Amino acid sequence: QVKLVESGGGLVQAGGSLRLSCAASGLTFSTYAWGWFRQAPGKEREFVAAISRSGSNTYYGDSVKGRFTISKDNAKKTVYMQMNMLKPEDTAVYYCAAKYSVLSEYYHYPDQYNYWGQGTQVTVSS
């Protein structure tokens, strides 16, 4: 059974930092591409960042470019997202997602992903 568990969310002041983690089990971690998405109340799920199965390619949503960094550790079967210079508009539930991939590509549409975590809340106060 595939399980993705996010952690690291919380309450932070604007300008602060958080690092989200997504621990995976039940799948062959190195054969998946990964993504982070977020959803604020009353809004659609938004693409945040993606990383290819090799880790060599990354892609970011325009609103987080230069502030967020996605990475992964195959040995720990964990995906990370370092979030710096946080803004109140970054407040949302953040989800990690996994897509089986045979290519070194990244994916930024939610319906491309096979598995999802339950999400972790990030709240940025002004």
C-alpha atoms as a PDB file:
ATOM      1  CA  GLN A   1       0.000   0.000   0.000  1.00  0.00           C
ATOM      2  CA  VAL A   2       1.399   3.343  -1.063  1.00  0.00           C
ATOM      3  CA  LYS A   3       1.564   5.968   1.638  1.00  0.00           C
ATOM      4  CA  LEU A   4       2.788   9.561   1.452  1.00  0.00           C
ATOM      5  CA  VAL A   5       3.051  11.454   4.715  1.00  0.00           C
ATOM      6  CA  GLU A   6       3.751  15.183   4.779  1.00  0.00           C
ATOM      7  CA  SER A   7       5.216  16.964   7.781  1.00  0.00           C
ATOM      8  CA  GLY A   8       6.885  20.231   8.669  1.00  0.00           C
ATOM      9  CA  GLY A   9       3.971  22.588   8.314  1.00  0.00           C
ATOM     10  CA  GLY A  10       3.075  25.137  10.944  1.00  0.00           C
ATOM     11  CA  LEU A  11       2.633  28.787  11.770  1.00  0.00           C
ATOM     12  CA  VAL A  12       5.370  31.197  10.751  1.00  0.00           C
ATOM     13  CA  GLN A  13       5.699  34.943  10.407  1.00  0.00           C
ATOM     14  CA  ALA A  14       6.064  36.575   7.038  1.00  0.00           C
ATOM     15  CA  GLY A  15       9.672  36.436   5.898  1.00  0.00           C
ATOM     16  CA  GLY A  16      10.295  33.219   7.761  1.00  0.00           C
ATOM     17  CA  SER A  17      11.149  29.730   6.545  1.00  0.00           C
ATOM     18  CA  LEU A  18       9.803  26.206   6.776  1.00  0.00           C
ATOM     19  CA  ARG A  19      10.946  22.880   5.367  1.00  0.00           C
ATOM     20  CA  LEU A  20       8.280  20.413   4.373  1.00  0.00           C
ATOM     21  CA  SER A  21       8.985  16.702   4.152  1.00  0.00           C
ATOM     22  CA  CYS A  22       7.102  13.938   2.383  1.00  0.00           C
ATOM     23  CA  ALA A  23       7.983  10.424   3.507  1.00  0.00           C
ATOM     24  CA  ALA A  24       7.019   7.709   1.040  1.00  0.00           C
ATOM     25  CA  SER A  25       6.438   3.999   1.516  1.00  0.00           C
ATOM     26  CA  GLY A  26       4.983   1.174  -0.521  1.00  0.00           C
ATOM     27  CA  LEU A  27       6.539   2.230  -3.820  1.00  0.00           C
ATOM     28  CA  THR A  28       9.909   2.154  -5.555  1.00  0.00           C
ATOM     29  CA  PHE A  29      10.865   5.706  -4.722  1.00  0.00           C
ATOM     30  CA  SER A  30      13.487   6.168  -7.441  1.00  0.00           C
ATOM     31  CA  THR A  31      11.041   5.384 -10.250  1.00  0.00           C
ATOM     32  CA  TYR A  32       8.731   8.268  -9.394  1.00  0.00           C
ATOM     33  CA  ALA A  33       8.662  11.936 -10.197  1.00  0.00           C
ATOM     34  CA  TRP A  34       7.394  14.163  -7.391  1.00  0.00           C
ATOM     35  CA  GLY A  35       5.419  17.308  -6.973  1.00  0.00           C
ATOM     36  CA  TRP A  36       4.173  19.710  -4.349  1.00  0.00           C
ATOM     37  CA  PHE A  37       0.798  21.384  -4.652  1.00  0.00           C
ATOM     38  CA  ARG A  38      -1.144  23.655  -2.354  1.00  0.00           C
ATOM     39  CA  GLN A  39      -4.748  24.569  -1.807  1.00  0.00           C
ATOM     40  CA  ALA A  40      -6.045  27.591   0.038  1.00  0.00           C
ATOM     41  CA  PRO A  41      -9.645  27.825   1.271  1.00  0.00           C
ATOM     42  CA  GLY A  42     -12.040  28.511  -1.575  1.00  0.00           C
ATOM     43  CA  LYS A  43      -9.332  28.127  -4.221  1.00  0.00           C
ATOM     44  CA  GLU A  44      -8.323  25.424  -6.644  1.00  0.00           C
ATOM     45  CA  ARG A  45      -5.310  23.218  -6.058  1.00  0.00           C
ATOM     46  CA  GLU A  46      -2.233  25.068  -7.282  1.00  0.00           C
ATOM     47  CA  PHE A  47       1.035  23.684  -8.605  1.00  0.00           C
ATOM     48  CA  VAL A  48       4.038  24.681  -6.495  1.00  0.00           C
ATOM     49  CA  ALA A  49       7.080  22.619  -7.499  1.00  0.00           C
ATOM     50  CA  ALA A  50       8.105  19.395  -9.222  1.00  0.00           C
ATOM     51  CA  ILE A  51      11.199  17.247  -9.521  1.00  0.00           C
ATOM     52  CA  SER A  52      12.009  14.513 -12.011  1.00  0.00           C
ATOM     53  CA  ARG A  53      12.744  10.945 -10.977  1.00  0.00           C
ATOM     54  CA  SER A  54      16.454  11.521 -11.510  1.00  0.00           C
ATOM     55  CA  GLY A  55      16.374  14.727  -9.511  1.00  0.00           C
ATOM     56  CA  SER A  56      18.142  16.544 -12.321  1.00  0.00           C
ATOM     57  CA  ASN A  57      15.122  18.568 -13.447  1.00  0.00           C
ATOM     58  CA  THR A  58      13.040  20.863 -11.297  1.00  0.00           C
ATOM     59  CA  TYR A  59      10.215  23.230 -12.085  1.00  0.00           C
ATOM     60  CA  TYR A  60       8.455  25.882 -10.026  1.00  0.00           C
ATOM     61  CA  GLY A  61       5.256  27.831 -10.098  1.00  0.00           C
ATOM     62  CA  ASP A  62       5.741  31.501 -10.842  1.00  0.00           C
ATOM     63  CA  SER A  63       4.570  32.567  -7.403  1.00  0.00           C
ATOM     64  CA  VAL A  64       7.305  30.631  -5.597  1.00  0.00           C
ATOM     65  CA  LYS A  65      10.274  30.859  -7.967  1.00  0.00           C
ATOM     66  CA  GLY A  66      13.394  31.999  -6.194  1.00  0.00           C
ATOM     67  CA  ARG A  67      11.886  31.319  -2.760  1.00  0.00           C
ATOM     68  CA  PHE A  68      11.115  27.587  -2.693  1.00  0.00           C
ATOM     69  CA  THR A  69      13.415  24.662  -3.466  1.00  0.00           C
ATOM     70  CA  ILE A  70      12.330  21.078  -4.057  1.00  0.00           C
ATOM     71  CA  SER A  71      14.713  18.188  -3.473  1.00  0.00           C
ATOM     72  CA  LYS A  72      14.646  14.489  -2.707  1.00  0.00           C
ATOM     73  CA  ASP A  73      16.684  11.861  -0.946  1.00  0.00           C
ATOM     74  CA  ASN A  74      16.317   8.420  -2.519  1.00  0.00           C
ATOM     75  CA  ALA A  75      17.981   6.686   0.417  1.00  0.00           C
ATOM     76  CA  LYS A  76      15.498   8.193   2.866  1.00  0.00           C
ATOM     77  CA  LYS A  77      12.585   7.921   0.414  1.00  0.00           C
ATOM     78  CA  THR A  78      11.722  11.485   1.246  1.00  0.00           C
ATOM     79  CA  VAL A  79      10.920  14.583  -0.774  1.00  0.00           C
ATOM     80  CA  TYR A  80      11.582  18.017   0.672  1.00  0.00           C
ATOM     81  CA  MET A  81      10.523  21.541  -0.020  1.00  0.00           C
ATOM     82  CA  GLN A  82      12.501  24.356   1.518  1.00  0.00           C
ATOM     83  CA  MET A  83      10.325  27.455   1.711  1.00  0.00           C
ATOM     84  CA  ASN A  84      12.020  30.793   2.339  1.00  0.00           C
ATOM     85  CA  MET A  85      10.783  34.375   2.422  1.00  0.00           C
ATOM     86  CA  LEU A  86       7.276  33.159   3.163  1.00  0.00           C
ATOM     87  CA  LYS A  87       4.367  35.462   2.473  1.00  0.00           C
ATOM     88  CA  PRO A  88       0.809  35.470   3.852  1.00  0.00           C
ATOM     89  CA  GLU A  89      -0.412  34.405   0.407  1.00  0.00           C
ATOM     90  CA  ASP A  90       1.564  31.170   0.810  1.00  0.00           C
ATOM     91  CA  THR A  91      -0.937  30.093   3.460  1.00  0.00           C
ATOM     92  CA  ALA A  92      -2.516  26.820   2.335  1.00  0.00           C
ATOM     93  CA  VAL A  93      -2.585  23.091   2.837  1.00  0.00           C
ATOM     94  CA  TYR A  94       0.431  21.643   1.070  1.00  0.00           C
ATOM     95  CA  TYR A  95       0.293  18.236  -0.591  1.00  0.00           C
ATOM     96  CA  CYS A  96       2.989  16.043  -2.036  1.00  0.00           C
ATOM     97  CA  ALA A  97       2.255  13.786  -4.967  1.00  0.00           C
ATOM     98  CA  ALA A  98       3.994  10.951  -6.805  1.00  0.00           C
ATOM     99  CA  LYS A  99       3.891  10.000 -10.455  1.00  0.00           C
ATOM    100  CA  TYR A 100       5.403   6.828 -11.865  1.00  0.00           C
ATOM    101  CA  SER A 101       7.861   7.950 -14.532  1.00  0.00           C
ATOM    102  CA  VAL A 102      10.214   6.288 -16.974  1.00  0.00           C
ATOM    103  CA  LEU A 103      11.577   9.589 -18.217  1.00  0.00           C
ATOM    104  CA  SER A 104      13.498  12.355 -16.560  1.00  0.00           C
ATOM    105  CA  GLU A 105      10.569  14.733 -16.722  1.00  0.00           C
ATOM    106  CA  TYR A 106       8.550  16.739 -14.238  1.00  0.00           C
ATOM    107  CA  TYR A 107       4.809  17.133 -14.162  1.00  0.00           C
ATOM    108  CA  HIS A 108       2.733  20.096 -13.059  1.00  0.00           C
ATOM    109  CA  TYR A 109      -0.882  19.064 -13.516  1.00  0.00           C
ATOM    110  CA  PRO A 110      -2.622  17.390 -10.565  1.00  0.00           C
ATOM    111  CA  ASP A 111      -4.310  14.744 -12.695  1.00  0.00           C
ATOM    112  CA  GLN A 112      -0.919  13.510 -13.909  1.00  0.00           C
ATOM    113  CA  TYR A 113      -0.075  12.180 -10.452  1.00  0.00           C
ATOM    114  CA  ASN A 114      -0.827   8.681  -9.185  1.00  0.00           C
ATOM    115  CA  TYR A 115      -0.628   9.129  -5.408  1.00  0.00           C
ATOM    116  CA  TRP A 116      -1.248  11.936  -2.936  1.00  0.00           C
ATOM    117  CA  GLY A 117      -0.528  12.618   0.702  1.00  0.00           C
ATOM    118  CA  GLN A 118      -3.030  13.953   3.234  1.00  0.00           C
ATOM    119  CA  GLY A 119      -1.493  17.406   3.358  1.00  0.00           C
ATOM    120  CA  THR A 120       0.132  19.647   5.929  1.00  0.00           C
ATOM    121  CA  GLN A 121      -1.088  23.112   6.899  1.00  0.00           C
ATOM    122  CA  VAL A 122       1.176  26.102   6.394  1.00  0.00           C
ATOM    123  CA  THR A 123       0.028  29.409   7.859  1.00  0.00           C
ATOM    124  CA  VAL A 124       1.989  32.602   7.328  1.00  0.00           C
ATOM    125  CA  SER A 125       1.044  35.552   9.505  1.00  0.00           C
ATOM    126  CA  SER A 126       1.615  39.147   8.469  1.00  0.00           C
END
